[in-house]
Amino acid sequence: MKELENISKLKDELFEHPVFKADWKLYGVYSDNERLLAVHATEEGANENKDKWAKQHGNTFYVDFVTVHK
C-alpha cells in the first residue's frame, strides 16, 4: 500500500512541473502502426526527423500532436 502512495505522490509532483503548465504543444513522430517514436518541441523538428527516418527505413511515418494526460 505504501508503494501506491509513493507512486501517487510522485505522479502529483510530476504534473506540477512547469513543462505540463506551459502554453505550447509537443509534436510526435509516429510509425505507420501508430507507435510514438520521438517527441519534439517544434513541428519543424518532428518533420525533419520523420523525413530522415523515412529515408533510412523506407517506412511511412507521420507527425501529430502529443497529448499528455494528468
N, C-alpha and C. Protein backbone atom coordinates (compact mmCIF):
# COMPACT_ATOMS: atom_id res chain seq x y z
N MET A 1 0.82 -1.18 0.00
CA MET A 1 0.00 0.00 0.00
C MET A 1 0.87 1.26 0.00
N LYS A 2 1.98 1.19 0.71
CA LYS A 2 2.89 2.34 0.77
C LYS A 2 3.43 2.65 -0.63
N GLU A 3 3.70 1.60 -1.42
CA GLU A 3 4.20 1.81 -2.78
C GLU A 3 3.19 2.60 -3.61
N LEU A 4 1.91 2.28 -3.47
CA LEU A 4 0.88 3.01 -4.21
C LEU A 4 0.82 4.47 -3.78
N GLU A 5 1.00 4.72 -2.49
CA GLU A 5 1.01 6.10 -2.01
C GLU A 5 2.19 6.86 -2.59
N ASN A 6 3.36 6.20 -2.65
CA ASN A 6 4.55 6.84 -3.21
C ASN A 6 4.37 7.14 -4.69
N ILE A 7 3.78 6.21 -5.42
CA ILE A 7 3.54 6.41 -6.85
C ILE A 7 2.57 7.57 -7.06
N SER A 8 1.52 7.61 -6.26
CA SER A 8 0.53 8.68 -6.37
C SER A 8 1.16 10.04 -6.08
N LYS A 9 2.00 10.09 -5.06
CA LYS A 9 2.67 11.34 -4.71
C LYS A 9 3.61 11.79 -5.83
N LEU A 10 4.36 10.84 -6.38
CA LEU A 10 5.28 11.15 -7.47
C LEU A 10 4.52 11.66 -8.69
N LYS A 11 3.40 11.03 -9.01
CA LYS A 11 2.58 11.46 -10.15
C LYS A 11 2.08 12.89 -9.94
N ASP A 12 1.61 13.19 -8.74
CA ASP A 12 1.13 14.54 -8.44
C ASP A 12 2.24 15.56 -8.58
N GLU A 13 3.43 15.23 -8.10
CA GLU A 13 4.57 16.15 -8.21
C GLU A 13 4.97 16.34 -9.67
N LEU A 14 4.94 15.28 -10.44
CA LEU A 14 5.32 15.36 -11.84
C LEU A 14 4.41 16.33 -12.59
N PHE A 15 3.12 16.24 -12.38
CA PHE A 15 2.19 17.09 -13.12
C PHE A 15 2.14 18.52 -12.58
N GLU A 16 2.86 18.80 -11.52
CA GLU A 16 3.02 20.18 -11.06
C GLU A 16 4.23 20.84 -11.73
N HIS A 17 5.00 20.05 -12.46
CA HIS A 17 6.19 20.56 -13.14
C HIS A 17 5.77 21.59 -14.19
N PRO A 18 6.55 22.66 -14.34
CA PRO A 18 6.19 23.73 -15.30
C PRO A 18 5.99 23.25 -16.74
N VAL A 19 6.66 22.19 -17.14
CA VAL A 19 6.52 21.74 -18.52
C VAL A 19 5.07 21.36 -18.84
N PHE A 20 4.34 20.89 -17.84
CA PHE A 20 2.96 20.50 -18.07
C PHE A 20 1.99 21.67 -17.97
N LYS A 21 2.49 22.82 -17.54
CA LYS A 21 1.65 24.01 -17.45
C LYS A 21 1.98 25.01 -18.55
N ALA A 22 2.94 24.69 -19.37
CA ALA A 22 3.39 25.61 -20.42
C ALA A 22 2.31 25.75 -21.49
N ASP A 23 2.35 26.88 -22.16
CA ASP A 23 1.39 27.14 -23.22
C ASP A 23 2.03 26.85 -24.57
N TRP A 24 2.41 25.63 -24.78
CA TRP A 24 2.97 25.21 -26.05
C TRP A 24 2.62 23.76 -26.29
N LYS A 25 2.87 23.31 -27.48
CA LYS A 25 2.49 21.96 -27.88
C LYS A 25 3.73 21.10 -28.08
N LEU A 26 3.53 19.82 -27.98
CA LEU A 26 4.57 18.85 -28.30
C LEU A 26 4.14 18.10 -29.55
N TYR A 27 5.12 17.75 -30.37
CA TYR A 27 4.85 17.06 -31.62
C TYR A 27 5.56 15.72 -31.59
N GLY A 28 4.86 14.70 -32.03
CA GLY A 28 5.43 13.36 -32.03
C GLY A 28 5.60 12.84 -33.44
N VAL A 29 6.63 12.01 -33.60
CA VAL A 29 6.81 11.26 -34.84
C VAL A 29 6.26 9.86 -34.55
N TYR A 30 5.32 9.44 -35.37
CA TYR A 30 4.66 8.16 -35.17
C TYR A 30 4.95 7.24 -36.35
N SER A 31 4.99 5.94 -36.06
CA SER A 31 5.14 4.96 -37.13
C SER A 31 3.78 4.70 -37.75
N ASP A 32 3.78 3.96 -38.85
CA ASP A 32 2.51 3.70 -39.54
C ASP A 32 1.56 2.83 -38.72
N ASN A 33 2.08 2.17 -37.68
CA ASN A 33 1.19 1.41 -36.79
C ASN A 33 0.88 2.19 -35.51
N GLU A 34 0.99 3.53 -35.61
CA GLU A 34 0.60 4.47 -34.56
C GLU A 34 1.43 4.38 -33.29
N ARG A 35 2.67 3.99 -33.42
CA ARG A 35 3.58 3.92 -32.28
C ARG A 35 4.35 5.23 -32.19
N LEU A 36 4.34 5.85 -31.01
CA LEU A 36 5.08 7.10 -30.80
C LEU A 36 6.57 6.78 -30.73
N LEU A 37 7.36 7.40 -31.60
CA LEU A 37 8.79 7.10 -31.69
C LEU A 37 9.66 8.21 -31.11
N ALA A 38 9.23 9.45 -31.24
CA ALA A 38 10.03 10.58 -30.75
C ALA A 38 9.12 11.76 -30.48
N VAL A 39 9.54 12.60 -29.54
CA VAL A 39 8.78 13.80 -29.19
C VAL A 39 9.66 15.01 -29.44
N HIS A 40 9.08 16.04 -30.07
CA HIS A 40 9.82 17.25 -30.40
C HIS A 40 9.07 18.48 -29.90
N ALA A 41 9.82 19.53 -29.62
CA ALA A 41 9.22 20.79 -29.17
C ALA A 41 8.63 21.58 -30.33
N THR A 42 9.11 21.30 -31.55
CA THR A 42 8.61 22.04 -32.72
C THR A 42 8.12 21.07 -33.79
N GLU A 43 7.17 21.54 -34.56
CA GLU A 43 6.67 20.74 -35.67
C GLU A 43 7.74 20.57 -36.73
N GLU A 44 8.56 21.60 -36.92
CA GLU A 44 9.64 21.53 -37.91
C GLU A 44 10.63 20.43 -37.55
N GLY A 45 11.01 20.37 -36.28
CA GLY A 45 11.95 19.34 -35.83
C GLY A 45 11.38 17.95 -36.01
N ALA A 46 10.10 17.80 -35.71
CA ALA A 46 9.46 16.50 -35.87
C ALA A 46 9.42 16.10 -37.35
N ASN A 47 9.13 17.05 -38.22
CA ASN A 47 9.10 16.75 -39.66
C ASN A 47 10.47 16.40 -40.20
N GLU A 48 11.51 17.07 -39.73
CA GLU A 48 12.88 16.74 -40.16
C GLU A 48 13.23 15.32 -39.75
N ASN A 49 12.90 14.96 -38.52
CA ASN A 49 13.18 13.62 -38.03
C ASN A 49 12.38 12.58 -38.81
N LYS A 50 11.13 12.89 -39.08
CA LYS A 50 10.26 11.99 -39.85
C LYS A 50 10.86 11.72 -41.23
N ASP A 51 11.31 12.78 -41.90
CA ASP A 51 11.89 12.64 -43.24
C ASP A 51 13.17 11.83 -43.20
N LYS A 52 13.99 12.04 -42.18
CA LYS A 52 15.24 11.29 -42.04
C LYS A 52 14.96 9.80 -41.85
N TRP A 53 14.01 9.49 -41.00
CA TRP A 53 13.67 8.08 -40.76
C TRP A 53 13.06 7.44 -41.99
N ALA A 54 12.25 8.20 -42.73
CA ALA A 54 11.65 7.65 -43.95
C ALA A 54 12.72 7.29 -44.97
N LYS A 55 13.76 8.12 -45.08
CA LYS A 55 14.86 7.82 -46.00
C LYS A 55 15.64 6.59 -45.55
N GLN A 56 15.85 6.46 -44.24
CA GLN A 56 16.63 5.34 -43.71
C GLN A 56 15.86 4.02 -43.75
N HIS A 57 14.58 4.05 -43.43
CA HIS A 57 13.82 2.82 -43.24
C HIS A 57 12.79 2.55 -44.32
N GLY A 58 12.47 3.56 -45.10
CA GLY A 58 11.50 3.37 -46.16
C GLY A 58 10.07 3.16 -45.68
N ASN A 59 9.85 3.34 -44.41
CA ASN A 59 8.50 3.17 -43.86
C ASN A 59 7.75 4.49 -43.89
N THR A 60 6.48 4.40 -43.62
CA THR A 60 5.64 5.59 -43.55
C THR A 60 5.61 6.08 -42.11
N PHE A 61 6.01 7.31 -41.90
CA PHE A 61 5.95 7.95 -40.59
C PHE A 61 5.10 9.20 -40.74
N TYR A 62 4.52 9.63 -39.64
CA TYR A 62 3.75 10.87 -39.69
C TYR A 62 3.93 11.66 -38.40
N VAL A 63 3.62 12.95 -38.47
CA VAL A 63 3.75 13.86 -37.33
C VAL A 63 2.36 14.23 -36.86
N ASP A 64 2.19 14.21 -35.55
CA ASP A 64 0.92 14.62 -34.95
C ASP A 64 1.21 15.16 -33.56
N PHE A 65 0.21 15.75 -32.94
CA PHE A 65 0.37 16.27 -31.59
C PHE A 65 0.58 15.13 -30.60
N VAL A 66 1.24 15.46 -29.50
CA VAL A 66 1.36 14.54 -28.38
C VAL A 66 0.48 15.09 -27.27
N THR A 67 -0.36 14.25 -26.73
CA THR A 67 -1.24 14.65 -25.65
C THR A 67 -0.75 14.04 -24.35
N VAL A 68 -0.62 14.86 -23.33
CA VAL A 68 -0.20 14.39 -22.01
C VAL A 68 -1.41 14.50 -21.09
N HIS A 69 -1.79 13.38 -20.52
CA HIS A 69 -2.95 13.36 -19.62
C HIS A 69 -2.49 13.31 -18.18
N LYS A 70 -3.19 14.02 -17.35
CA LYS A 70 -2.88 14.01 -15.92
C LYS A 70 -3.53 12.82 -15.28
